[in-house]
C-alpha atoms as a PDB file:
ATOM      1  CA  MET A   1      22.805  -6.452  17.012  1.00  0.00           C
ATOM      2  CA  ASP A   2      25.451  -8.520  16.249  1.00  0.00           C
ATOM      3  CA  ILE A   3      28.656  -6.686  16.170  1.00  0.00           C
ATOM      4  CA  LYS A   4      31.731  -8.115  15.082  1.00  0.00           C
ATOM      5  CA  GLU A   5      35.153  -8.307  17.289  1.00  0.00           C
ATOM      6  CA  GLY A   6      36.412  -4.877  17.126  1.00  0.00           C
ATOM      7  CA  ALA A   7      33.653  -3.448  15.125  1.00  0.00           C
ATOM      8  CA  MET A   8      32.523   0.290  15.965  1.00  0.00           C
ATOM      9  CA  PRO A   9      29.258   0.126  17.977  1.00  0.00           C
ATOM     10  CA  GLY A  10      26.403   1.042  14.957  1.00  0.00           C
ATOM     11  CA  HIS A  11      28.843   0.025  12.390  1.00  0.00           C
ATOM     12  CA  ILE A  12      27.356  -2.305   9.779  1.00  0.00           C
ATOM     13  CA  PRO A  13      29.575  -5.297   8.659  1.00  0.00           C
ATOM     14  CA  GLU A  14      30.699  -5.087   5.100  1.00  0.00           C
ATOM     15  CA  ALA A  15      28.794  -8.547   4.628  1.00  0.00           C
ATOM     16  CA  TYR A  16      25.235  -7.045   4.930  1.00  0.00           C
ATOM     17  CA  LYS A  17      25.620  -3.987   2.581  1.00  0.00           C
ATOM     18  CA  LYS A  18      24.256  -6.069  -0.268  1.00  0.00           C
ATOM     19  CA  ARG A  19      20.649  -4.781  -1.145  1.00  0.00           C
ATOM     20  CA  GLN A  20      20.133  -3.141  -4.361  1.00  0.00           C
ATOM     21  CA  SER A  21      16.693  -1.342  -4.844  1.00  0.00           C
ATOM     22  CA  LEU A  22      15.590   1.791  -2.525  1.00  0.00           C
ATOM     23  CA  PRO A  23      18.474   1.383   0.099  1.00  0.00           C
ATOM     24  CA  ASN A  24      21.827   3.305  -1.023  1.00  0.00           C
ATOM     25  CA  ASP A  25      24.638   1.969  -1.569  1.00  0.00           C
ATOM     26  CA  GLN A  26      26.522   4.338   0.820  1.00  0.00           C
ATOM     27  CA  GLU A  27      28.386   3.476   3.674  1.00  0.00           C
ATOM     28  CA  VAL A  28      26.172   3.593   6.917  1.00  0.00           C
ATOM     29  CA  THR A  29      27.510   4.170  10.275  1.00  0.00           C
ATOM     30  CA  PHE A  30      25.245   5.696  12.856  1.00  0.00           C
ATOM     31  CA  PRO A  31      26.833   5.255  16.219  1.00  0.00           C
ATOM     32  CA  GLU A  32      23.769   6.318  17.915  1.00  0.00           C
ATOM     33  CA  LEU A  33      22.323   3.034  17.491  1.00  0.00           C
ATOM     34  CA  GLU A  34      23.846   0.286  19.519  1.00  0.00           C
ATOM     35  CA  PRO A  35      23.591   2.790  22.514  1.00  0.00           C
ATOM     36  CA  THR A  36      19.934   3.268  21.875  1.00  0.00           C
ATOM     37  CA  PHE A  37      19.495  -0.634  21.476  1.00  0.00           C
ATOM     38  CA  VAL A  38      21.290  -0.776  24.811  1.00  0.00           C
ATOM     39  CA  GLU A  39      18.922   1.327  26.382  1.00  0.00           C
ATOM     40  CA  LEU A  40      15.964  -0.154  25.182  1.00  0.00           C
ATOM     41  CA  ASP A  41      16.889  -3.611  26.422  1.00  0.00           C
ATOM     42  CA  GLU A  42      17.199  -1.874  29.880  1.00  0.00           C
ATOM     43  CA  VAL A  43      13.893  -0.658  29.718  1.00  0.00           C
ATOM     44  CA  VAL A  44      12.370  -4.088  28.516  1.00  0.00           C
ATOM     45  CA  LYS A  45      13.981  -5.948  31.328  1.00  0.00           C
ATOM     46  CA  LYS A  46      12.171  -3.896  34.103  1.00  0.00           C
ATOM     47  CA  PHE A  47       9.286  -5.371  32.796  1.00  0.00           C
ATOM     48  CA  GLY A  48      10.477  -9.071  33.365  1.00  0.00           C
ATOM     49  CA  THR A  49       8.665 -11.999  31.670  1.00  0.00           C
ATOM     50  CA  LEU A  50       7.352 -10.856  28.350  1.00  0.00           C
ATOM     51  CA  PRO A  51       4.346 -12.261  26.395  1.00  0.00           C
ATOM     52  CA  GLY A  52       6.102 -14.509  23.492  1.00  0.00           C
ATOM     53  CA  TRP A  53       9.321 -13.356  24.527  1.00  0.00           C
ATOM     54  CA  GLY A  54      10.054 -15.193  27.548  1.00  0.00           C
ATOM     55  CA  GLY A  55      12.584 -13.554  29.702  1.00  0.00           C
ATOM     56  CA  GLY A  56      13.193  -9.715  29.200  1.00  0.00           C
ATOM     57  CA  ASP A  57      16.473  -9.964  28.523  1.00  0.00           C
ATOM     58  CA  GLN A  58      15.548 -11.856  25.393  1.00  0.00           C
ATOM     59  CA  ALA A  59      14.270  -8.872  23.643  1.00  0.00           C
ATOM     60  CA  ARG A  60      17.013  -8.016  21.782  1.00  0.00           C
ATOM     61  CA  TRP A  61      16.739 -11.635  19.889  1.00  0.00           C
ATOM     62  CA  SER A  62      13.341 -11.207  19.509  1.00  0.00           C
ATOM     63  CA  SER A  63      13.186  -8.326  17.286  1.00  0.00           C
ATOM     64  CA  ILE A  64      14.813  -6.421  14.337  1.00  0.00           C
ATOM     65  CA  SER A  65      18.045  -5.635  16.592  1.00  0.00           C
ATOM     66  CA  GLY A  66      18.828  -9.232  16.755  1.00  0.00           C
ATOM     67  CA  PHE A  67      18.981  -9.547  12.855  1.00  0.00           C
ATOM     68  CA  PRO A  68      21.875  -7.517  11.640  1.00  0.00           C
ATOM     69  CA  GLU A  69      20.903  -7.733   7.984  1.00  0.00           C
ATOM     70  CA  GLN A  70      17.365  -6.163   8.785  1.00  0.00           C
ATOM     71  CA  VAL A  71      19.081  -3.462  10.658  1.00  0.00           C
ATOM     72  CA  ASP A  72      21.415  -2.441   7.596  1.00  0.00           C
ATOM     73  CA  PHE A  73      17.893  -2.938   5.203  1.00  0.00           C
ATOM     74  CA  TYR A  74      16.057  -0.729   7.176  1.00  0.00           C
ATOM     75  CA  ALA A  75      18.614   2.169   7.764  1.00  0.00           C
ATOM     76  CA  ARG A  76      19.957   2.060   4.343  1.00  0.00           C
ATOM     77  CA  THR A  77      16.261   3.069   3.609  1.00  0.00           C
ATOM     78  CA  ALA A  78      15.875   5.553   6.020  1.00  0.00           C
ATOM     79  CA  THR A  79      18.931   7.195   4.171  1.00  0.00           C
ATOM     80  CA  HIS A  80      17.521   7.466   1.160  1.00  0.00           C
ATOM     81  CA  PRO A  81      16.994  11.485  -0.004  1.00  0.00           C
ATOM     82  CA  ALA A  82      13.109  10.691  -0.358  1.00  0.00           C
ATOM     83  CA  ILE A  83      12.504   9.842   2.986  1.00  0.00           C
ATOM     84  CA  ARG A  84      11.495  12.075   5.485  1.00  0.00           C
ATOM     85  CA  THR A  85       8.635  10.576   7.236  1.00  0.00           C
ATOM     86  CA  VAL A  86       7.890   6.941   8.093  1.00  0.00           C
ATOM     87  CA  CYS A  87       4.180   6.115   8.994  1.00  0.00           C
ATOM     88  CA  GLU A  88       4.568   2.808  10.956  1.00  0.00           C
ATOM     89  CA  VAL A  89       2.072   0.227  12.206  1.00  0.00           C
ATOM     90  CA  GLY A  90       3.626  -1.940  14.949  1.00  0.00           C
ATOM     91  CA  PHE A  91       5.804   0.162  17.011  1.00  0.00           C
ATOM     92  CA  ASN A  92       6.347  -2.745  20.152  1.00  0.00           C
ATOM     93  CA  ALA A  93       9.567  -1.909  21.923  1.00  0.00           C
ATOM     94  CA  GLY A  94      10.634   0.653  19.415  1.00  0.00           C
ATOM     95  CA  TYR A  95      13.836  -1.469  17.926  1.00  0.00           C
ATOM     96  CA  SER A  96      12.752  -0.417  14.262  1.00  0.00           C
ATOM     97  CA  THR A  97      11.866   2.641  15.566  1.00  0.00           C
ATOM     98  CA  ALA A  98      15.380   3.548  16.749  1.00  0.00           C
ATOM     99  CA  VAL A  99      16.842   2.240  13.305  1.00  0.00           C
ATOM    100  CA  TRP A 100      14.840   4.989  11.201  1.00  0.00           C
ATOM    101  CA  LEU A 101      15.416   7.702  14.083  1.00  0.00           C
ATOM    102  CA  ALA A 102      19.446   6.874  14.393  1.00  0.00           C
ATOM    103  CA  ALA A 103      20.071   6.434  10.748  1.00  0.00           C
ATOM    104  CA  ASN A 104      18.482   9.995   9.577  1.00  0.00           C
ATOM    105  CA  PRO A 105      18.786  12.851  11.576  1.00  0.00           C
ATOM    106  CA  LEU A 106      15.888  14.548   9.441  1.00  0.00           C
ATOM    107  CA  LEU A 107      13.376  11.956   9.615  1.00  0.00           C
ATOM    108  CA  LYS A 108      10.203  12.056  11.969  1.00  0.00           C
ATOM    109  CA  VAL A 109       8.147   8.456  12.602  1.00  0.00           C
ATOM    110  CA  ILE A 110       4.213   8.374  13.113  1.00  0.00           C
ATOM    111  CA  SER A 111       3.760   5.477  14.703  1.00  0.00           C
ATOM    112  CA  PHE A 112       0.328   3.431  15.838  1.00  0.00           C
ATOM    113  CA  ASP A 113       0.524   0.533  18.093  1.00  0.00           C
ATOM    114  CA  LEU A 114      -1.270  -1.443  21.034  1.00  0.00           C
ATOM    115  CA  VAL A 115       0.103  -1.278  24.600  1.00  0.00           C
ATOM    116  CA  MET A 116       1.236  -4.847  24.531  1.00  0.00           C
ATOM    117  CA  LEU A 117       0.610  -6.609  28.037  1.00  0.00           C
ATOM    118  CA  GLY A 118       4.130  -6.334  28.936  1.00  0.00           C
ATOM    119  CA  GLN A 119       3.273  -2.329  29.213  1.00  0.00           C
ATOM    120  CA  TYR A 120       6.726  -1.301  28.017  1.00  0.00           C
ATOM    121  CA  GLY A 121       5.808   0.243  24.928  1.00  0.00           C
ATOM    122  CA  PRO A 122       5.364   3.728  26.187  1.00  0.00           C
ATOM    123  CA  SER A 123       8.432   3.572  28.481  1.00  0.00           C
ATOM    124  CA  CYS A 124      10.374   2.686  25.341  1.00  0.00           C
ATOM    125  CA  ALA A 125       8.980   5.332  23.542  1.00  0.00           C
ATOM    126  CA  GLU A 126       9.663   7.909  26.124  1.00  0.00           C
ATOM    127  CA  ALA A 127      13.214   6.614  25.964  1.00  0.00           C
ATOM    128  CA  LEU A 128      13.144   7.346  22.280  1.00  0.00           C
ATOM    129  CA  LEU A 129      12.024  10.692  22.901  1.00  0.00           C
ATOM    130  CA  ARG A 130      14.712  11.589  25.197  1.00  0.00           C
ATOM    131  CA  ARG A 131      17.238  10.453  22.528  1.00  0.00           C
ATOM    132  CA  PHE A 132      15.504  12.116  19.517  1.00  0.00           C
ATOM    133  CA  PRO A 133      13.002  14.700  20.707  1.00  0.00           C
ATOM    134  CA  GLY A 134      10.375  16.037  18.599  1.00  0.00           C
ATOM    135  CA  ARG A 135      11.048  13.201  16.072  1.00  0.00           C
ATOM    136  CA  LEU A 136       8.416  10.612  17.249  1.00  0.00           C
ATOM    137  CA  GLU A 137       4.517  10.567  17.304  1.00  0.00           C
ATOM    138  CA  VAL A 138       3.074   7.314  19.090  1.00  0.00           C
ATOM    139  CA  HIS A 139      -0.841   6.564  18.889  1.00  0.00           C
ATOM    140  CA  TRP A 140      -1.529   4.103  21.448  1.00  0.00           C
ATOM    141  CA  GLY A 141      -4.281   1.389  21.031  1.00  0.00           C
ATOM    142  CA  ASP A 142      -5.689  -0.924  18.345  1.00  0.00           C
ATOM    143  CA  SER A 143      -4.665   0.438  14.691  1.00  0.00           C
ATOM    144  CA  ALA A 144      -8.196  -0.868  13.384  1.00  0.00           C
ATOM    145  CA  VAL A 145      -9.632   2.226  15.627  1.00  0.00           C
ATOM    146  CA  LEU A 146      -6.628   4.690  15.829  1.00  0.00           C
ATOM    147  CA  LEU A 147      -6.235   4.901  11.894  1.00  0.00           C
ATOM    148  CA  PRO A 148      -9.465   5.507  10.652  1.00  0.00           C
ATOM    149  CA  GLN A 149      -9.793   8.129  13.335  1.00  0.00           C
ATOM    150  CA  PHE A 150      -6.156   9.730  12.415  1.00  0.00           C
ATOM    151  CA  VAL A 151      -7.582   9.850   8.836  1.00  0.00           C
ATOM    152  CA  ALA A 152     -10.737  11.213  10.100  1.00  0.00           C
ATOM    153  CA  ASN A 153      -9.177  14.516  12.141  1.00  0.00           C
ATOM    154  CA  HIS A 154      -7.263  15.294   9.080  1.00  0.00           C
ATOM    155  CA  THR A 155      -9.816  15.080   6.673  1.00  0.00           C
ATOM    156  CA  VAL A 156     -11.362  18.211   5.199  1.00  0.00           C
ATOM    157  CA  ALA A 157     -14.211  18.215   2.911  1.00  0.00           C
ATOM    158  CA  GLY A 158     -13.512  14.841   1.943  1.00  0.00           C
ATOM    159  CA  GLU A 159      -9.831  15.092   1.320  1.00  0.00           C
ATOM    160  CA  TYR A 160      -6.900  14.125   3.417  1.00  0.00           C
ATOM    161  CA  GLN A 161      -4.768  16.820   4.588  1.00  0.00           C
ATOM    162  CA  GLY A 162      -2.738  15.475   7.117  1.00  0.00           C
ATOM    163  CA  PRO A 163       1.005  13.857   7.310  1.00  0.00           C
ATOM    164  CA  LYS A 164       1.947  12.181   3.976  1.00  0.00           C
ATOM    165  CA  CYS A 165       4.051   9.112   4.540  1.00  0.00           C
ATOM    166  CA  ASP A 166       7.423   8.931   2.513  1.00  0.00           C
ATOM    167  CA  LEU A 167       7.545   5.234   3.990  1.00  0.00           C
ATOM    168  CA  VAL A 168       4.744   3.041   5.264  1.00  0.00           C
ATOM    169  CA  HIS A 169       6.235   0.167   7.453  1.00  0.00           C
ATOM    170  CA  ILE A 170       3.478  -2.671   8.148  1.00  0.00           C
ATOM    171  CA  ASP A 171       4.556  -4.725  11.262  1.00  0.00           C
ATOM    172  CA  GLY A 172       1.662  -4.943  13.195  1.00  0.00           C
ATOM    173  CA  ASN A 173      -1.385  -7.366  13.340  1.00  0.00           C
ATOM    174  CA  HIS A 174       0.035 -10.571  11.417  1.00  0.00           C
ATOM    175  CA  GLY A 175      -3.643 -12.048  10.455  1.00  0.00           C
ATOM    176  CA  PHE A 176      -4.706 -11.631   7.211  1.00  0.00           C
ATOM    177  CA  GLU A 177      -7.677  -9.901   7.859  1.00  0.00           C
ATOM    178  CA  GLY A 178      -5.824  -7.344  10.457  1.00  0.00           C
ATOM    179  CA  VAL A 179      -3.006  -6.245   8.133  1.00  0.00           C
ATOM    180  CA  GLN A 180      -5.381  -5.796   5.239  1.00  0.00           C
ATOM    181  CA  ALA A 181      -7.051  -3.476   7.398  1.00  0.00           C
ATOM    182  CA  ASP A 182      -4.027  -1.624   8.244  1.00  0.00           C
ATOM    183  CA  PHE A 183      -3.107  -1.232   4.827  1.00  0.00           C
ATOM    184  CA  LYS A 184      -6.418  -0.016   3.582  1.00  0.00           C
ATOM    185  CA  ASN A 185      -7.044   2.354   7.016  1.00  0.00           C
ATOM    186  CA  MET A 186      -3.288   3.912   5.952  1.00  0.00           C
ATOM    187  CA  TYR A 187      -4.184   4.131   2.421  1.00  0.00           C
ATOM    188  CA  PRO A 188      -5.163   8.024   2.353  1.00  0.00           C
ATOM    189  CA  MET A 189      -1.974   8.284   3.779  1.00  0.00           C
ATOM    190  CA  MET A 190       0.086   7.295   1.212  1.00  0.00           C
ATOM    191  CA  THR A 191       0.987   8.823  -2.383  1.00  0.00           C
ATOM    192  CA  CYS A 192       2.467   7.927  -5.675  1.00  0.00           C
ATOM    193  CA  ASP A 193       5.650   8.503  -3.903  1.00  0.00           C
ATOM    194  CA  THR A 194       4.945   6.560  -1.221  1.00  0.00           C
ATOM    195  CA  ASN A 195       7.504   3.414  -0.579  1.00  0.00           C
ATOM    196  CA  LEU A 196       5.933   0.234   1.220  1.00  0.00           C
ATOM    197  CA  LEU A 197       8.138  -1.830   3.959  1.00  0.00           C
ATOM    198  CA  MET A 198       6.361  -5.147   5.020  1.00  0.00           C
ATOM    199  CA  ASP A 199       7.684  -7.454   7.602  1.00  0.00           C
ATOM    200  CA  ASP A 200       6.847 -10.669   7.900  1.00  0.00           C
ATOM    201  CA  VAL A 201       6.465 -11.493   4.046  1.00  0.00           C
ATOM    202  CA  PHE A 202       7.838 -14.989   3.314  1.00  0.00           C
ATOM    203  CA  ASP A 203       8.150 -17.138   0.351  1.00  0.00           C
ATOM    204  CA  ASP A 204       7.594 -20.389   2.026  1.00  0.00           C
ATOM    205  CA  GLU A 205       5.184 -19.358   4.517  1.00  0.00           C
ATOM    206  CA  GLU A 206       1.649 -18.146   4.180  1.00  0.00           C
ATOM    207  CA  SER A 207       1.435 -15.377   6.704  1.00  0.00           C
ATOM    208  CA  GLY A 208      -1.295 -13.019   6.698  1.00  0.00           C
ATOM    209  CA  PRO A 209       1.456 -10.032   5.288  1.00  0.00           C
ATOM    210  CA  THR A 210       2.635 -13.096   2.798  1.00  0.00           C
ATOM    211  CA  LYS A 211      -1.208 -12.833   1.451  1.00  0.00           C
ATOM    212  CA  LEU A 212      -1.481  -9.446   1.502  1.00  0.00           C
ATOM    213  CA  TRP A 213       1.484  -8.591  -0.414  1.00  0.00           C
ATOM    214  CA  ARG A 214       0.732 -11.446  -3.355  1.00  0.00           C
ATOM    215  CA  ASP A 215      -2.907 -10.112  -3.359  1.00  0.00           C
ATOM    216  CA  MET A 216      -1.970  -6.622  -3.780  1.00  0.00           C
ATOM    217  CA  LYS A 217       0.660  -7.380  -6.375  1.00  0.00           C
ATOM    218  CA  ALA A 218      -1.811  -9.435  -8.307  1.00  0.00           C
ATOM    219  CA  HIS A 219      -4.369  -6.681  -8.090  1.00  0.00           C
ATOM    220  CA  GLY A 220      -1.778  -4.385  -9.356  1.00  0.00           C
ATOM    221  CA  VAL A 221      -1.689  -2.278  -6.300  1.00  0.00           C
ATOM    222  CA  VAL A 222       1.677  -2.690  -5.727  1.00  0.00           C
ATOM    223  CA  GLU A 223       5.185  -3.458  -7.589  1.00  0.00           C
ATOM    224  CA  GLU A 224       7.690  -4.914  -5.647  1.00  0.00           C
ATOM    225  CA  LEU A 225      11.172  -3.375  -5.671  1.00  0.00           C
ATOM    226  CA  ASP A 226      13.055  -5.905  -3.724  1.00  0.00           C
ATOM    227  CA  ASN A 227      12.387  -8.873  -1.137  1.00  0.00           C
ATOM    228  CA  PHE A 228      14.519 -10.707   1.495  1.00  0.00           C
ATOM    229  CA  PHE A 229      13.950 -13.973   2.305  1.00  0.00           C
ATOM    230  CA  THR A 230      16.199 -16.143   4.454  1.00  0.00           C
ATOM    231  CA  SER A 231      14.796 -19.464   3.544  1.00  0.00           C
ATOM    232  CA  SER A 232      15.552 -18.467   0.203  1.00  0.00           C
ATOM    233  CA  LEU A 233      19.199 -17.398   1.291  1.00  0.00           C
ATOM    234  CA  LYS A 234      19.625 -20.336   3.147  1.00  0.00           C
ATOM    235  CA  HIS A 235      20.833 -18.311   6.198  1.00  0.00           C
ATOM    236  CA  ILE A 236      19.303 -18.107   9.706  1.00  0.00           C
ATOM    237  CA  ARG A 237      19.529 -16.118  12.711  1.00  0.00           C
ATOM    238  CA  THR A 238      22.180 -17.540  14.489  1.00  0.00           C
ATOM    239  CA  ALA A 239      21.833 -16.365  17.968  1.00  0.00           C
ATOM    240  CA  GLY A 240      19.281 -15.931  20.774  1.00  0.00           C
ATOM    241  CA  PRO A 241      15.910 -17.690  21.166  1.00  0.00           C
ATOM    242  CA  ASN A 242      14.943 -17.204  17.178  1.00  0.00           C
ATOM    243  CA  ARG A 243      18.066 -19.109  15.564  1.00  0.00           C
ATOM    244  CA  GLY A 244      16.840 -20.874  13.144  1.00  0.00           C
ATOM    245  CA  HIS A 245      13.600 -19.012  12.257  1.00  0.00           C
ATOM    246  CA  ASN A 246      12.945 -17.853   8.543  1.00  0.00           C
ATOM    247  CA  LYS A 247      13.121 -14.290   8.454  1.00  0.00           C
ATOM    248  CA  GLY A 248      11.371 -12.346   5.412  1.00  0.00           C
ATOM    249  CA  PHE A 249      10.302  -8.919   4.509  1.00  0.00           C
ATOM    250  CA  VAL A 250       9.832  -6.885   1.003  1.00  0.00           C
ATOM    251  CA  ILE A 251       9.879  -3.138  -0.086  1.00  0.00           C
ATOM    252  CA  GLY A 252       7.970  -1.836  -2.835  1.00  0.00           C
ATOM    253  CA  ARG A 253       5.564   1.065  -3.813  1.00  0.00           C
ATOM    254  CA  LEU A 254       2.257   1.881  -5.335  1.00  0.00           C
ATOM    255  CA  LYS A 255       1.699   0.908  -9.248  1.00  0.00           C
ATOM    256  CA  CYS A 256       0.319   4.099 -10.083  1.00  0.00           C
ATOM    257  CA  THR A 257      -0.313   5.664 -13.511  1.00  0.00           C
ATOM    258  CA  LYS A 258      -1.723   9.331 -12.995  1.00  0.00           C
ATOM    259  CA  THR A 259      -3.404   8.438  -9.770  1.00  0.00           C
ATOM    260  CA  LYS A 260      -3.438   5.596  -6.889  1.00  0.00           C
ATOM    261  CA  PRO A 261      -4.767   2.354  -7.904  1.00  0.00           C
ATOM    262  CA  ALA A 262      -8.217   1.165  -6.684  1.00  0.00           C
ATOM    263  CA  LEU A 263      -7.711  -1.059  -3.916  1.00  0.00           C
ATOM    264  CA  PRO A 264      -9.842  -4.538  -4.704  1.00  0.00           C
ATOM    265  CA  ALA A 265     -12.933  -4.731  -2.711  1.00  0.00           C
END
């Protein structure tokens, strides 16, 4: 995390407190976050060169933790009174999960993720469980298989009876069919009160998440509350190997009337 000289660890610089929709406008200070990021850094480093990340010491700049605006937005989303259960696809090294857990002591995370080729994921999850015992549940494997199994295991007489997600965070498979499947497979876990946060949605790139979000809006399934596009804001990451890359994410909710909208065929 990019902490200015003299700033307290876990303190979000004033310049980043600009979001207006779901996240609170309150001050967000959570001193556990930076030490947690540092611990995850150290865990990842032990696994050496990582696929797509280069050296393990670059993990900080290849995740949410290298983008302070996104950390702030996610943290203030987590502190919203309506958020108690976060369901996410895409744990990876646990940096976004660390934000949820550090920002809100009442919050629990249920995560679904592949064990990446670097094999660092379970070790990162263990580190987070030591810091936040009882508040993290990770299911390892292909989300295309895990999510239907999870829903089936919590379905009685044709009705889903399992955990309901206050916030769904999708940041896993970035191909259109993959992210579409994740959304569809998590749909039984969503209610009309569920908030949706999708990473890697851009205003100038046709990524899988971008196409899915546009399709869901066009079919009246979701309504967008807010977005963050670095290409629009003319702001780029200034440190690490990903400097100069666009960043984008959106937050919204299901566009319900009396019931959840039907998903397009």
